[in-house]
N, C-alpha and C. Protein backbone atom coordinates (compact mmCIF):
# COMPACT_ATOMS: atom_id res chain seq x y z
N MET A 1 -47.01 83.42 -4.21
CA MET A 1 -45.76 83.01 -3.59
C MET A 1 -45.10 84.26 -3.02
N ASN A 2 -44.66 84.19 -1.78
CA ASN A 2 -43.95 85.32 -1.19
C ASN A 2 -42.44 85.19 -1.42
N LYS A 3 -41.69 86.20 -0.98
CA LYS A 3 -40.24 86.20 -1.23
C LYS A 3 -39.53 85.02 -0.57
N ARG A 4 -39.93 84.68 0.65
CA ARG A 4 -39.29 83.56 1.33
C ARG A 4 -39.53 82.26 0.58
N GLN A 5 -40.76 82.04 0.16
CA GLN A 5 -41.07 80.83 -0.59
C GLN A 5 -40.29 80.79 -1.90
N GLU A 6 -40.20 81.93 -2.58
CA GLU A 6 -39.44 81.98 -3.83
C GLU A 6 -37.97 81.65 -3.58
N MET A 7 -37.42 82.23 -2.52
CA MET A 7 -36.02 81.98 -2.18
C MET A 7 -35.79 80.48 -1.95
N LEU A 8 -36.69 79.85 -1.22
CA LEU A 8 -36.55 78.42 -0.91
C LEU A 8 -36.73 77.56 -2.15
N VAL A 9 -37.68 77.89 -3.00
CA VAL A 9 -37.89 77.12 -4.22
C VAL A 9 -36.69 77.24 -5.14
N ILE A 10 -36.17 78.45 -5.31
CA ILE A 10 -35.00 78.63 -6.18
C ILE A 10 -33.82 77.86 -5.61
N THR A 11 -33.66 77.88 -4.29
CA THR A 11 -32.57 77.12 -3.66
C THR A 11 -32.72 75.63 -3.93
N MET A 12 -33.92 75.12 -3.81
CA MET A 12 -34.17 73.70 -4.12
C MET A 12 -33.81 73.40 -5.56
N GLU A 13 -34.21 74.27 -6.47
CA GLU A 13 -33.93 74.05 -7.89
C GLU A 13 -32.43 74.05 -8.15
N GLU A 14 -31.73 75.00 -7.53
CA GLU A 14 -30.27 75.08 -7.73
C GLU A 14 -29.58 73.85 -7.14
N CYS A 15 -30.05 73.37 -5.99
CA CYS A 15 -29.47 72.15 -5.40
C CYS A 15 -29.71 70.95 -6.31
N ALA A 16 -30.86 70.90 -6.92
CA ALA A 16 -31.15 69.81 -7.86
C ALA A 16 -30.23 69.87 -9.07
N GLU A 17 -29.96 71.08 -9.56
CA GLU A 17 -29.06 71.22 -10.71
C GLU A 17 -27.63 70.84 -10.33
N LEU A 18 -27.21 71.16 -9.11
CA LEU A 18 -25.89 70.74 -8.64
C LEU A 18 -25.84 69.22 -8.53
N SER A 19 -26.89 68.63 -8.02
CA SER A 19 -26.96 67.18 -7.92
C SER A 19 -26.85 66.53 -9.30
N GLN A 20 -27.51 67.09 -10.26
CA GLN A 20 -27.46 66.57 -11.63
C GLN A 20 -26.04 66.69 -12.20
N ALA A 21 -25.38 67.81 -11.96
CA ALA A 21 -24.01 68.00 -12.46
C ALA A 21 -23.07 66.97 -11.83
N CYS A 22 -23.24 66.70 -10.55
CA CYS A 22 -22.42 65.67 -9.88
C CYS A 22 -22.69 64.30 -10.48
N SER A 23 -23.96 64.00 -10.69
CA SER A 23 -24.34 62.71 -11.26
C SER A 23 -23.72 62.50 -12.63
N LYS A 24 -23.74 63.54 -13.45
CA LYS A 24 -23.17 63.41 -14.80
C LYS A 24 -21.67 63.16 -14.75
N LEU A 25 -20.98 63.77 -13.78
CA LEU A 25 -19.54 63.52 -13.67
C LEU A 25 -19.27 62.06 -13.29
N ILE A 26 -20.16 61.47 -12.51
CA ILE A 26 -20.00 60.06 -12.16
C ILE A 26 -20.36 59.18 -13.36
N ARG A 27 -21.49 59.45 -13.97
CA ARG A 27 -21.97 58.61 -15.07
C ARG A 27 -21.02 58.62 -16.26
N PHE A 28 -20.44 59.76 -16.54
CA PHE A 28 -19.58 59.90 -17.71
C PHE A 28 -18.13 60.11 -17.30
N GLU A 29 -17.71 59.40 -16.26
CA GLU A 29 -16.38 59.57 -15.69
C GLU A 29 -15.26 59.36 -16.71
N ASP A 30 -15.46 58.44 -17.62
CA ASP A 30 -14.43 58.14 -18.62
C ASP A 30 -14.44 59.11 -19.79
N ASP A 31 -15.46 59.95 -19.86
CA ASP A 31 -15.60 60.85 -21.00
C ASP A 31 -16.00 62.25 -20.54
N GLN A 32 -15.29 62.76 -19.52
CA GLN A 32 -15.59 64.10 -19.00
C GLN A 32 -14.98 65.16 -19.90
N SER A 33 -15.71 66.24 -20.02
CA SER A 33 -15.20 67.36 -20.80
C SER A 33 -14.97 68.55 -19.89
N GLU A 34 -14.26 69.53 -20.40
CA GLU A 34 -14.08 70.77 -19.65
C GLU A 34 -15.43 71.41 -19.37
N GLN A 35 -16.37 71.23 -20.29
CA GLN A 35 -17.71 71.79 -20.09
C GLN A 35 -18.42 71.15 -18.90
N ASP A 36 -18.20 69.85 -18.69
CA ASP A 36 -18.80 69.18 -17.54
C ASP A 36 -18.27 69.77 -16.23
N ILE A 37 -16.97 70.00 -16.17
CA ILE A 37 -16.36 70.61 -14.98
C ILE A 37 -16.86 72.04 -14.82
N LYS A 38 -16.93 72.78 -15.90
CA LYS A 38 -17.44 74.15 -15.86
C LYS A 38 -18.87 74.18 -15.36
N ASN A 39 -19.68 73.23 -15.80
CA ASN A 39 -21.06 73.15 -15.34
C ASN A 39 -21.11 72.91 -13.84
N LEU A 40 -20.25 72.02 -13.33
CA LEU A 40 -20.18 71.77 -11.90
C LEU A 40 -19.83 73.06 -11.16
N GLN A 41 -18.83 73.77 -11.65
CA GLN A 41 -18.42 75.03 -11.02
C GLN A 41 -19.57 76.03 -11.01
N ASP A 42 -20.26 76.14 -12.13
CA ASP A 42 -21.40 77.06 -12.22
C ASP A 42 -22.48 76.71 -11.21
N GLU A 43 -22.80 75.44 -11.11
CA GLU A 43 -23.87 75.02 -10.20
C GLU A 43 -23.47 75.22 -8.75
N ILE A 44 -22.20 74.98 -8.42
CA ILE A 44 -21.72 75.25 -7.06
C ILE A 44 -21.88 76.74 -6.76
N GLY A 45 -21.49 77.58 -7.70
CA GLY A 45 -21.63 79.03 -7.52
C GLY A 45 -23.07 79.44 -7.33
N ASP A 46 -23.98 78.84 -8.09
CA ASP A 46 -25.40 79.16 -7.97
C ASP A 46 -25.93 78.79 -6.59
N VAL A 47 -25.55 77.62 -6.09
CA VAL A 47 -25.99 77.20 -4.76
C VAL A 47 -25.40 78.12 -3.69
N MET A 48 -24.13 78.45 -3.84
CA MET A 48 -23.50 79.35 -2.86
C MET A 48 -24.16 80.72 -2.87
N CYS A 49 -24.56 81.19 -4.03
CA CYS A 49 -25.28 82.45 -4.13
C CYS A 49 -26.58 82.38 -3.34
N MET A 50 -27.31 81.30 -3.50
CA MET A 50 -28.58 81.17 -2.78
C MET A 50 -28.35 81.05 -1.27
N ILE A 51 -27.27 80.42 -0.86
CA ILE A 51 -26.94 80.36 0.56
C ILE A 51 -26.67 81.77 1.08
N ASP A 52 -25.94 82.56 0.31
CA ASP A 52 -25.70 83.95 0.70
C ASP A 52 -27.00 84.73 0.82
N ILE A 53 -27.91 84.50 -0.11
CA ILE A 53 -29.22 85.18 -0.06
C ILE A 53 -30.00 84.75 1.18
N MET A 54 -29.95 83.47 1.52
CA MET A 54 -30.63 83.00 2.73
C MET A 54 -30.01 83.62 3.98
N LYS A 55 -28.68 83.77 3.98
CA LYS A 55 -28.03 84.43 5.12
C LYS A 55 -28.46 85.89 5.19
N HIS A 56 -28.45 86.57 4.07
CA HIS A 56 -28.83 87.98 4.02
C HIS A 56 -30.27 88.18 4.49
N SER A 57 -31.12 87.22 4.20
CA SER A 57 -32.53 87.33 4.60
C SER A 57 -32.73 87.08 6.10
N GLY A 58 -31.71 86.52 6.75
CA GLY A 58 -31.81 86.22 8.17
C GLY A 58 -32.33 84.82 8.47
N LEU A 59 -32.57 84.03 7.44
CA LEU A 59 -33.06 82.67 7.64
C LEU A 59 -32.02 81.81 8.35
N VAL A 60 -30.77 81.98 7.98
CA VAL A 60 -29.63 81.29 8.60
C VAL A 60 -28.51 82.29 8.79
N ASN A 61 -27.51 81.91 9.59
CA ASN A 61 -26.35 82.79 9.75
C ASN A 61 -25.06 82.00 9.68
N ASP A 62 -23.96 82.71 9.56
CA ASP A 62 -22.64 82.06 9.41
C ASP A 62 -22.32 81.16 10.60
N GLU A 63 -22.65 81.58 11.79
CA GLU A 63 -22.34 80.79 12.98
C GLU A 63 -23.04 79.43 12.92
N GLN A 64 -24.32 79.44 12.56
CA GLN A 64 -25.08 78.19 12.45
C GLN A 64 -24.47 77.29 11.39
N ILE A 65 -24.12 77.88 10.27
CA ILE A 65 -23.57 77.10 9.16
C ILE A 65 -22.21 76.52 9.54
N GLU A 66 -21.35 77.33 10.14
CA GLU A 66 -20.01 76.85 10.52
C GLU A 66 -20.11 75.74 11.56
N GLU A 67 -21.04 75.88 12.50
CA GLU A 67 -21.22 74.84 13.51
C GLU A 67 -21.62 73.51 12.86
N ARG A 68 -22.54 73.59 11.92
CA ARG A 68 -22.99 72.38 11.23
C ARG A 68 -21.89 71.79 10.34
N LYS A 69 -21.10 72.65 9.71
CA LYS A 69 -20.00 72.16 8.89
C LYS A 69 -19.02 71.34 9.72
N LYS A 70 -18.76 71.76 10.94
CA LYS A 70 -17.87 71.01 11.82
C LYS A 70 -18.45 69.64 12.15
N VAL A 71 -19.74 69.61 12.44
CA VAL A 71 -20.41 68.34 12.74
C VAL A 71 -20.31 67.40 11.54
N LYS A 72 -20.59 67.92 10.37
CA LYS A 72 -20.56 67.09 9.16
C LYS A 72 -19.14 66.59 8.88
N LYS A 73 -18.16 67.46 9.04
CA LYS A 73 -16.78 67.06 8.78
C LYS A 73 -16.36 65.94 9.74
N ASP A 74 -16.75 66.07 11.00
CA ASP A 74 -16.43 65.01 11.97
C ASP A 74 -17.04 63.68 11.56
N LYS A 75 -18.29 63.72 11.10
CA LYS A 75 -18.94 62.48 10.63
C LYS A 75 -18.20 61.90 9.43
N LEU A 76 -17.84 62.77 8.50
CA LEU A 76 -17.13 62.30 7.31
C LEU A 76 -15.77 61.73 7.65
N MET A 77 -15.10 62.32 8.61
CA MET A 77 -13.79 61.80 9.03
C MET A 77 -13.93 60.40 9.62
N LYS A 78 -15.07 60.15 10.23
CA LYS A 78 -15.29 58.85 10.85
C LYS A 78 -15.83 57.82 9.85
N TRP A 79 -16.74 58.21 8.98
CA TRP A 79 -17.50 57.26 8.20
C TRP A 79 -17.22 57.25 6.69
N SER A 80 -16.36 58.14 6.21
CA SER A 80 -16.12 58.16 4.75
C SER A 80 -14.63 57.98 4.46
N LEU A 81 -14.33 57.86 3.20
CA LEU A 81 -12.95 57.74 2.74
C LEU A 81 -12.34 59.09 2.40
N LEU A 82 -13.12 60.16 2.52
CA LEU A 82 -12.66 61.47 2.06
C LEU A 82 -11.43 61.98 2.79
N PHE A 83 -11.24 61.58 4.03
CA PHE A 83 -10.11 62.08 4.80
C PHE A 83 -9.07 60.99 5.08
N SER A 84 -9.23 59.84 4.45
CA SER A 84 -8.25 58.78 4.66
C SER A 84 -7.03 59.04 3.80
N GLU A 85 -5.92 58.55 4.28
CA GLU A 85 -4.67 58.70 3.54
C GLU A 85 -4.58 57.58 2.52
N ASP A 86 -4.36 57.97 1.28
CA ASP A 86 -4.25 56.96 0.21
C ASP A 86 -2.81 56.68 -0.11
């Protein structure tokens, strides 16, 4: 395995761990602990670290990421409840 492959595999693993942390917050919504929230924070940090490593490696850059974030936000504003006024 070369460095790029390792970087991508670790990123996949970290994304899976973040997904699991999110799932647990949904599954155990009525019985969340501070540890569950801490785990979510840790996994977000781990994924963000890997994104930084991918940027540093030149695989992606801030401009590409920011452009895509805008596209995603526009879609969410149209198709999700995340930006609706409650």
